[in-house]
Amino acid sequence: MPADVKEKVEAAIKEANDALAGTDIAAVKTAVEKLATESQTLGQAIYAASAAEEAANTDGSGASGADDVVDAEVVDEPSDSEKK
């Protein structure tokens, strides 16, 4: 996670906590909106890092179709007690 994104989220959390300690509802709404925006940025950074890590760990063989998949059908046979 980029350090600047983390710092912005931490600052937004502090602002929201400070606003909640006060009595100004408009300040609380503004701080919560800023926190929501910064949280979305954090989510995007985490998603991008996860996607990059997954791409780095993929060797390309997953798309080749060499999974050795066997097509099968499940057949329920009656038990001995049902045959009688």
PDB file of N, CA and C in Angstrom:
ATOM      1  N   MET A   1       0.852  -1.168   0.000  1.00  0.00           N
ATOM      2  CA  MET A   1       0.000   0.000   0.000  1.00  0.00           C
ATOM      3  C   MET A   1       0.900   1.233   0.000  1.00  0.00           C
ATOM      4  N   PRO A   2       0.630   2.181  -0.866  1.00  0.00           N
ATOM      5  CA  PRO A   2       1.445   3.390  -0.911  1.00  0.00           C
ATOM      6  C   PRO A   2       1.353   4.183   0.396  1.00  0.00           C
ATOM      7  N   ALA A   3       2.471   4.735   0.819  1.00  0.00           N
ATOM      8  CA  ALA A   3       2.532   5.468   2.093  1.00  0.00           C
ATOM      9  C   ALA A   3       1.651   6.715   2.067  1.00  0.00           C
ATOM     10  N   ASP A   4       1.580   7.397   0.922  1.00  0.00           N
ATOM     11  CA  ASP A   4       0.767   8.608   0.869  1.00  0.00           C
ATOM     12  C   ASP A   4      -0.720   8.311   1.042  1.00  0.00           C
ATOM     13  N   VAL A   5      -1.178   7.195   0.505  1.00  0.00           N
ATOM     14  CA  VAL A   5      -2.579   6.800   0.665  1.00  0.00           C
ATOM     15  C   VAL A   5      -2.858   6.482   2.132  1.00  0.00           C
ATOM     16  N   LYS A   6      -1.942   5.756   2.758  1.00  0.00           N
ATOM     17  CA  LYS A   6      -2.106   5.403   4.171  1.00  0.00           C
ATOM     18  C   LYS A   6      -2.148   6.656   5.037  1.00  0.00           C
ATOM     19  N   GLU A   7      -1.267   7.614   4.761  1.00  0.00           N
ATOM     20  CA  GLU A   7      -1.233   8.853   5.538  1.00  0.00           C
ATOM     21  C   GLU A   7      -2.523   9.649   5.376  1.00  0.00           C
ATOM     22  N   LYS A   8      -3.054   9.683   4.146  1.00  0.00           N
ATOM     23  CA  LYS A   8      -4.301  10.415   3.910  1.00  0.00           C
ATOM     24  C   LYS A   8      -5.470   9.775   4.652  1.00  0.00           C
ATOM     25  N   VAL A   9      -5.521   8.455   4.681  1.00  0.00           N
ATOM     26  CA  VAL A   9      -6.601   7.761   5.382  1.00  0.00           C
ATOM     27  C   VAL A   9      -6.476   8.001   6.878  1.00  0.00           C
ATOM     28  N   GLU A  10      -5.259   7.910   7.403  1.00  0.00           N
ATOM     29  CA  GLU A  10      -5.054   8.151   8.829  1.00  0.00           C
ATOM     30  C   GLU A  10      -5.430   9.583   9.212  1.00  0.00           C
ATOM     31  N   ALA A  11      -5.090  10.553   8.344  1.00  0.00           N
ATOM     32  CA  ALA A  11      -5.458  11.942   8.600  1.00  0.00           C
ATOM     33  C   ALA A  11      -6.980  12.115   8.576  1.00  0.00           C
ATOM     34  N   ALA A  12      -7.638  11.452   7.638  1.00  0.00           N
ATOM     35  CA  ALA A  12      -9.102  11.540   7.546  1.00  0.00           C
ATOM     36  C   ALA A  12      -9.761  10.908   8.767  1.00  0.00           C
ATOM     37  N   ILE A  13      -9.185   9.827   9.275  1.00  0.00           N
ATOM     38  CA  ILE A  13      -9.721   9.196  10.492  1.00  0.00           C
ATOM     39  C   ILE A  13      -9.586  10.142  11.672  1.00  0.00           C
ATOM     40  N   LYS A  14      -8.433  10.781  11.788  1.00  0.00           N
ATOM     41  CA  LYS A  14      -8.208  11.724  12.892  1.00  0.00           C
ATOM     42  C   LYS A  14      -9.195  12.886  12.801  1.00  0.00           C
ATOM     43  N   GLU A  15      -9.379  13.420  11.580  1.00  0.00           N
ATOM     44  CA  GLU A  15     -10.327  14.519  11.393  1.00  0.00           C
ATOM     45  C   GLU A  15     -11.742  14.093  11.775  1.00  0.00           C
ATOM     46  N   ALA A  16     -12.130  12.886  11.398  1.00  0.00           N
ATOM     47  CA  ALA A  16     -13.472  12.398  11.731  1.00  0.00           C
ATOM     48  C   ALA A  16     -13.623  12.240  13.236  1.00  0.00           C
ATOM     49  N   ASN A  17     -12.599  11.709  13.899  1.00  0.00           N
ATOM     50  CA  ASN A  17     -12.663  11.566  15.359  1.00  0.00           C
ATOM     51  C   ASN A  17     -12.728  12.922  16.040  1.00  0.00           C
ATOM     52  N   ASP A  18     -11.947  13.895  15.559  1.00  0.00           N
ATOM     53  CA  ASP A  18     -11.987  15.242  16.131  1.00  0.00           C
ATOM     54  C   ASP A  18     -13.352  15.882  15.917  1.00  0.00           C
ATOM     55  N   ALA A  19     -13.934  15.683  14.735  1.00  0.00           N
ATOM     56  CA  ALA A  19     -15.253  16.255  14.446  1.00  0.00           C
ATOM     57  C   ALA A  19     -16.324  15.616  15.322  1.00  0.00           C
ATOM     58  N   LEU A  20     -16.195  14.318  15.554  1.00  0.00           N
ATOM     59  CA  LEU A  20     -17.176  13.626  16.405  1.00  0.00           C
ATOM     60  C   LEU A  20     -17.101  14.094  17.852  1.00  0.00           C
ATOM     61  N   ALA A  21     -15.948  14.554  18.257  1.00  0.00           N
ATOM     62  CA  ALA A  21     -15.796  15.046  19.630  1.00  0.00           C
ATOM     63  C   ALA A  21     -16.488  16.394  19.807  1.00  0.00           C
ATOM     64  N   GLY A  22     -16.717  17.109  18.724  1.00  0.00           N
ATOM     65  CA  GLY A  22     -17.360  18.411  18.787  1.00  0.00           C
ATOM     66  C   GLY A  22     -18.873  18.320  18.631  1.00  0.00           C
ATOM     67  N   THR A  23     -19.482  19.484  18.399  1.00  0.00           N
ATOM     68  CA  THR A  23     -20.939  19.537  18.275  1.00  0.00           C
ATOM     69  C   THR A  23     -21.397  20.034  16.907  1.00  0.00           C
ATOM     70  N   ASP A  24     -20.461  20.312  16.004  1.00  0.00           N
ATOM     71  CA  ASP A  24     -20.778  20.832  14.678  1.00  0.00           C
ATOM     72  C   ASP A  24     -21.120  19.680  13.732  1.00  0.00           C
ATOM     73  N   ILE A  25     -22.391  19.539  13.412  1.00  0.00           N
ATOM     74  CA  ILE A  25     -22.859  18.447  12.564  1.00  0.00           C
ATOM     75  C   ILE A  25     -22.306  18.574  11.150  1.00  0.00           C
ATOM     76  N   ALA A  26     -22.196  19.784  10.649  1.00  0.00           N
ATOM     77  CA  ALA A  26     -21.660  19.988   9.296  1.00  0.00           C
ATOM     78  C   ALA A  26     -20.207  19.522   9.228  1.00  0.00           C
ATOM     79  N   ALA A  27     -19.440  19.780  10.277  1.00  0.00           N
ATOM     80  CA  ALA A  27     -18.042  19.343  10.305  1.00  0.00           C
ATOM     81  C   ALA A  27     -17.959  17.820  10.332  1.00  0.00           C
ATOM     82  N   VAL A  28     -18.880  17.187  11.051  1.00  0.00           N
ATOM     83  CA  VAL A  28     -18.911  15.723  11.109  1.00  0.00           C
ATOM     84  C   VAL A  28     -19.222  15.162   9.725  1.00  0.00           C
ATOM     85  N   LYS A  29     -20.223  15.713   9.065  1.00  0.00           N
ATOM     86  CA  LYS A  29     -20.592  15.241   7.720  1.00  0.00           C
ATOM     87  C   LYS A  29     -19.436  15.405   6.747  1.00  0.00           C
ATOM     88  N   THR A  30     -18.783  16.553   6.790  1.00  0.00           N
ATOM     89  CA  THR A  30     -17.647  16.809   5.902  1.00  0.00           C
ATOM     90  C   THR A  30     -16.517  15.826   6.172  1.00  0.00           C
ATOM     91  N   ALA A  31     -16.216  15.605   7.448  1.00  0.00           N
ATOM     92  CA  ALA A  31     -15.133  14.687   7.809  1.00  0.00           C
ATOM     93  C   ALA A  31     -15.460  13.250   7.404  1.00  0.00           C
ATOM     94  N   VAL A  32     -16.698  12.854   7.564  1.00  0.00           N
ATOM     95  CA  VAL A  32     -17.107  11.498   7.187  1.00  0.00           C
ATOM     96  C   VAL A  32     -17.054  11.328   5.670  1.00  0.00           C
ATOM     97  N   GLU A  33     -17.477  12.339   4.929  1.00  0.00           N
ATOM     98  CA  GLU A  33     -17.396  12.275   3.467  1.00  0.00           C
ATOM     99  C   GLU A  33     -15.942  12.170   3.006  1.00  0.00           C
ATOM    100  N   LYS A  34     -15.056  12.940   3.638  1.00  0.00           N
ATOM    101  CA  LYS A  34     -13.640  12.872   3.286  1.00  0.00           C
ATOM    102  C   LYS A  34     -13.081  11.492   3.618  1.00  0.00           C
ATOM    103  N   LEU A  35     -13.475  10.949   4.767  1.00  0.00           N
ATOM    104  CA  LEU A  35     -13.021   9.616   5.150  1.00  0.00           C
ATOM    105  C   LEU A  35     -13.517   8.570   4.154  1.00  0.00           C
ATOM    106  N   ALA A  36     -14.739   8.699   3.699  1.00  0.00           N
ATOM    107  CA  ALA A  36     -15.282   7.756   2.718  1.00  0.00           C
ATOM    108  C   ALA A  36     -14.496   7.834   1.411  1.00  0.00           C
ATOM    109  N   THR A  37     -14.182   9.022   0.975  1.00  0.00           N
ATOM    110  CA  THR A  37     -13.418   9.194  -0.265  1.00  0.00           C
ATOM    111  C   THR A  37     -12.026   8.588  -0.130  1.00  0.00           C
ATOM    112  N   GLU A  38     -11.364   8.867   0.981  1.00  0.00           N
ATOM    113  CA  GLU A  38     -10.014   8.331   1.199  1.00  0.00           C
ATOM    114  C   GLU A  38     -10.054   6.807   1.361  1.00  0.00           C
ATOM    115  N   SER A  39     -11.121   6.298   1.955  1.00  0.00           N
ATOM    116  CA  SER A  39     -11.266   4.845   2.091  1.00  0.00           C
ATOM    117  C   SER A  39     -11.416   4.178   0.729  1.00  0.00           C
ATOM    118  N   GLN A  40     -12.136   4.817  -0.166  1.00  0.00           N
ATOM    119  CA  GLN A  40     -12.277   4.284  -1.517  1.00  0.00           C
ATOM    120  C   GLN A  40     -10.929   4.274  -2.230  1.00  0.00           C
ATOM    121  N   THR A  41     -10.146   5.324  -2.021  1.00  0.00           N
ATOM    122  CA  THR A  41      -8.808   5.377  -2.607  1.00  0.00           C
ATOM    123  C   THR A  41      -7.947   4.246  -2.046  1.00  0.00           C
ATOM    124  N   LEU A  42      -8.081   3.987  -0.759  1.00  0.00           N
ATOM    125  CA  LEU A  42      -7.349   2.893  -0.120  1.00  0.00           C
ATOM    126  C   LEU A  42      -7.771   1.556  -0.726  1.00  0.00           C
ATOM    127  N   GLY A  43      -9.054   1.360  -0.905  1.00  0.00           N
ATOM    128  CA  GLY A  43      -9.557   0.128  -1.507  1.00  0.00           C
ATOM    129  C   GLY A  43      -9.025  -0.071  -2.911  1.00  0.00           C
ATOM    130  N   GLN A  44      -8.977   1.000  -3.689  1.00  0.00           N
ATOM    131  CA  GLN A  44      -8.443   0.913  -5.043  1.00  0.00           C
ATOM    132  C   GLN A  44      -6.960   0.546  -5.030  1.00  0.00           C
ATOM    133  N   ALA A  45      -6.214   1.111  -4.081  1.00  0.00           N
ATOM    134  CA  ALA A  45      -4.782   0.805  -3.984  1.00  0.00           C
ATOM    135  C   ALA A  45      -4.562  -0.649  -3.595  1.00  0.00           C
ATOM    136  N   ILE A  46      -5.369  -1.135  -2.675  1.00  0.00           N
ATOM    137  CA  ILE A  46      -5.251  -2.536  -2.248  1.00  0.00           C
ATOM    138  C   ILE A  46      -5.610  -3.464  -3.402  1.00  0.00           C
ATOM    139  N   TYR A  47      -6.676  -3.146  -4.125  1.00  0.00           N
ATOM    140  CA  TYR A  47      -7.096  -3.956  -5.268  1.00  0.00           C
ATOM    141  C   TYR A  47      -6.006  -3.980  -6.338  1.00  0.00           C
ATOM    142  N   ALA A  48      -5.420  -2.815  -6.629  1.00  0.00           N
ATOM    143  CA  ALA A  48      -4.377  -2.732  -7.647  1.00  0.00           C
ATOM    144  C   ALA A  48      -3.148  -3.534  -7.227  1.00  0.00           C
ATOM    145  N   ALA A  49      -2.789  -3.440  -5.946  1.00  0.00           N
ATOM    146  CA  ALA A  49      -1.632  -4.200  -5.457  1.00  0.00           C
ATOM    147  C   ALA A  49      -1.903  -5.692  -5.529  1.00  0.00           C
ATOM    148  N   SER A  50      -3.123  -6.090  -5.189  1.00  0.00           N
ATOM    149  CA  SER A  50      -3.493  -7.499  -5.234  1.00  0.00           C
ATOM    150  C   SER A  50      -3.467  -8.019  -6.670  1.00  0.00           C
ATOM    151  N   ALA A  51      -3.990  -7.234  -7.591  1.00  0.00           N
ATOM    152  CA  ALA A  51      -4.003  -7.640  -8.997  1.00  0.00           C
ATOM    153  C   ALA A  51      -2.581  -7.740  -9.553  1.00  0.00           C
ATOM    154  N   ALA A  52      -1.726  -6.811  -9.149  1.00  0.00           N
ATOM    155  CA  ALA A  52      -0.340  -6.842  -9.623  1.00  0.00           C
ATOM    156  C   ALA A  52       0.394  -8.049  -9.059  1.00  0.00           C
ATOM    157  N   GLU A  53       0.133  -8.355  -7.794  1.00  0.00           N
ATOM    158  CA  GLU A  53       0.766  -9.523  -7.169  1.00  0.00           C
ATOM    159  C   GLU A  53       0.299 -10.812  -7.831  1.00  0.00           C
ATOM    160  N   GLU A  54      -0.988 -10.895  -8.123  1.00  0.00           N
ATOM    161  CA  GLU A  54      -1.533 -12.086  -8.776  1.00  0.00           C
ATOM    162  C   GLU A  54      -0.955 -12.249 -10.177  1.00  0.00           C
ATOM    163  N   ALA A  55      -0.814 -11.142 -10.891  1.00  0.00           N
ATOM    164  CA  ALA A  55      -0.248 -11.194 -12.235  1.00  0.00           C
ATOM    165  C   ALA A  55       1.213 -11.627 -12.190  1.00  0.00           C
ATOM    166  N   ALA A  56       1.931 -11.202 -11.164  1.00  0.00           N
ATOM    167  CA  ALA A  56       3.336 -11.577 -11.034  1.00  0.00           C
ATOM    168  C   ALA A  56       3.485 -13.055 -10.687  1.00  0.00           C
ATOM    169  N   ASN A  57       2.518 -13.601  -9.966  1.00  0.00           N
ATOM    170  CA  ASN A  57       2.581 -14.999  -9.549  1.00  0.00           C
ATOM    171  C   ASN A  57       2.044 -15.965 -10.595  1.00  0.00           C
ATOM    172  N   THR A  58       1.391 -15.461 -11.619  1.00  0.00           N
ATOM    173  CA  THR A  58       0.827 -16.301 -12.666  1.00  0.00           C
ATOM    174  C   THR A  58       1.893 -16.557 -13.718  1.00  0.00           C
ATOM    175  N   ASP A  59       2.099 -17.824 -14.036  1.00  0.00           N
ATOM    176  CA  ASP A  59       3.108 -18.161 -15.036  1.00  0.00           C
ATOM    177  C   ASP A  59       2.523 -18.321 -16.432  1.00  0.00           C
ATOM    178  N   GLY A  60       1.242 -18.059 -16.588  1.00  0.00           N
ATOM    179  CA  GLY A  60       0.611 -18.125 -17.896  1.00  0.00           C
ATOM    180  C   GLY A  60       0.028 -19.474 -18.240  1.00  0.00           C
ATOM    181  N   SER A  61       0.280 -20.512 -17.451  1.00  0.00           N
ATOM    182  CA  SER A  61      -0.226 -21.833 -17.788  1.00  0.00           C
ATOM    183  C   SER A  61      -1.716 -21.985 -17.492  1.00  0.00           C
ATOM    184  N   GLY A  62      -2.275 -21.088 -16.718  1.00  0.00           N
ATOM    185  CA  GLY A  62      -3.691 -21.191 -16.368  1.00  0.00           C
ATOM    186  C   GLY A  62      -4.613 -20.983 -17.546  1.00  0.00           C
ATOM    187  N   ALA A  63      -4.191 -20.224 -18.512  1.00  0.00           N
ATOM    188  CA  ALA A  63      -5.039 -19.932 -19.661  1.00  0.00           C
ATOM    189  C   ALA A  63      -4.864 -20.937 -20.790  1.00  0.00           C
ATOM    190  N   SER A  64      -3.968 -21.885 -20.650  1.00  0.00           N
ATOM    191  CA  SER A  64      -3.699 -22.802 -21.750  1.00  0.00           C
ATOM    192  C   SER A  64      -4.702 -23.946 -21.835  1.00  0.00           C
ATOM    193  N   GLY A  65      -5.508 -24.164 -20.794  1.00  0.00           N
ATOM    194  CA  GLY A  65      -6.508 -25.212 -20.819  1.00  0.00           C
ATOM    195  C   GLY A  65      -5.965 -26.584 -20.473  1.00  0.00           C
ATOM    196  N   ALA A  66      -4.809 -26.658 -19.872  1.00  0.00           N
ATOM    197  CA  ALA A  66      -4.199 -27.942 -19.521  1.00  0.00           C
ATOM    198  C   ALA A  66      -4.528 -28.323 -18.081  1.00  0.00           C
ATOM    199  N   ASP A  67      -5.775 -28.240 -17.716  1.00  0.00           N
ATOM    200  CA  ASP A  67      -6.179 -28.511 -16.335  1.00  0.00           C
ATOM    201  C   ASP A  67      -6.532 -29.976 -16.105  1.00  0.00           C
ATOM    202  N   ASP A  68      -6.486 -30.820 -17.123  1.00  0.00           N
ATOM    203  CA  ASP A  68      -6.847 -32.230 -17.021  1.00  0.00           C
ATOM    204  C   ASP A  68      -8.251 -32.410 -16.442  1.00  0.00           C
ATOM    205  N   VAL A  69      -9.198 -31.674 -16.972  1.00  0.00           N
ATOM    206  CA  VAL A  69     -10.584 -31.753 -16.533  1.00  0.00           C
ATOM    207  C   VAL A  69     -11.234 -32.966 -17.178  1.00  0.00           C
ATOM    208  N   VAL A  70     -11.946 -33.748 -16.379  1.00  0.00           N
ATOM    209  CA  VAL A  70     -12.632 -34.928 -16.873  1.00  0.00           C
ATOM    210  C   VAL A  70     -14.133 -34.674 -16.769  1.00  0.00           C
ATOM    211  N   ASP A  71     -14.827 -34.850 -17.867  1.00  0.00           N
ATOM    212  CA  ASP A  71     -16.272 -34.678 -17.878  1.00  0.00           C
ATOM    213  C   ASP A  71     -16.904 -35.962 -17.348  1.00  0.00           C
ATOM    214  N   ALA A  72     -17.790 -35.838 -16.366  1.00  0.00           N
ATOM    215  CA  ALA A  72     -18.389 -37.023 -15.759  1.00  0.00           C
ATOM    216  C   ALA A  72     -19.849 -36.761 -15.429  1.00  0.00           C
ATOM    217  N   GLU A  73     -20.567 -37.845 -15.193  1.00  0.00           N
ATOM    218  CA  GLU A  73     -21.976 -37.769 -14.820  1.00  0.00           C
ATOM    219  C   GLU A  73     -22.162 -38.553 -13.532  1.00  0.00           C
ATOM    220  N   VAL A  74     -22.894 -37.975 -12.596  1.00  0.00           N
ATOM    221  CA  VAL A  74     -23.158 -38.647 -11.330  1.00  0.00           C
ATOM    222  C   VAL A  74     -24.462 -39.425 -11.464  1.00  0.00           C
ATOM    223  N   VAL A  75     -24.411 -40.712 -11.118  1.00  0.00           N
ATOM    224  CA  VAL A  75     -25.594 -41.563 -11.189  1.00  0.00           C
ATOM    225  C   VAL A  75     -25.867 -42.101  -9.783  1.00  0.00           C
ATOM    226  N   ASP A  76     -27.055 -41.833  -9.293  1.00  0.00           N
ATOM    227  CA  ASP A  76     -27.434 -42.344  -7.978  1.00  0.00           C
ATOM    228  C   ASP A  76     -28.060 -43.720  -8.156  1.00  0.00           C
ATOM    229  N   GLU A  77     -27.390 -44.725  -7.677  1.00  0.00           N
ATOM    230  CA  GLU A  77     -27.906 -46.080  -7.747  1.00  0.00           C
ATOM    231  C   GLU A  77     -28.676 -46.376  -6.461  1.00  0.00           C
ATOM    232  N   PRO A  78     -29.786 -47.091  -6.571  1.00  0.00           N
ATOM    233  CA  PRO A  78     -30.575 -47.409  -5.374  1.00  0.00           C
ATOM    234  C   PRO A  78     -29.760 -48.307  -4.441  1.00  0.00           C
ATOM    235  N   SER A  79     -29.929 -48.077  -3.151  1.00  0.00           N
ATOM    236  CA  SER A  79     -29.232 -48.914  -2.163  1.00  0.00           C
ATOM    237  C   SER A  79     -29.887 -50.279  -2.095  1.00  0.00           C
ATOM    238  N   ASP A  80     -29.276 -51.222  -1.389  1.00  0.00           N
ATOM    239  CA  ASP A  80     -29.800 -52.595  -1.272  1.00  0.00           C
ATOM    240  C   ASP A  80     -31.199 -52.607  -0.670  1.00  0.00           C
ATOM    241  N   SER A  81     -31.450 -51.744   0.315  1.00  0.00           N
ATOM    242  CA  SER A  81     -32.766 -51.738   0.963  1.00  0.00           C
ATOM    243  C   SER A  81     -33.854 -51.219   0.034  1.00  0.00           C
ATOM    244  N   GLU A  82     -33.509 -50.338  -0.902  1.00  0.00           N
ATOM    245  CA  GLU A  82     -34.485 -49.822  -1.842  1.00  0.00           C
ATOM    246  C   GLU A  82     -34.789 -50.812  -2.962  1.00  0.00           C
ATOM    247  N   LYS A  83     -33.901 -51.732  -3.238  1.00  0.00           N
ATOM    248  CA  LYS A  83     -34.096 -52.718  -4.296  1.00  0.00           C
ATOM    249  C   LYS A  83     -35.120 -53.770  -3.906  1.00  0.00           C
ATOM    250  N   LYS A  84     -35.307 -54.006  -2.653  1.00  0.00           N
ATOM    251  CA  LYS A  84     -36.212 -55.085  -2.188  1.00  0.00           C
ATOM    252  C   LYS A  84     -37.639 -54.704  -2.237  1.00  0.00           C
TER     253      LYS A  84
END
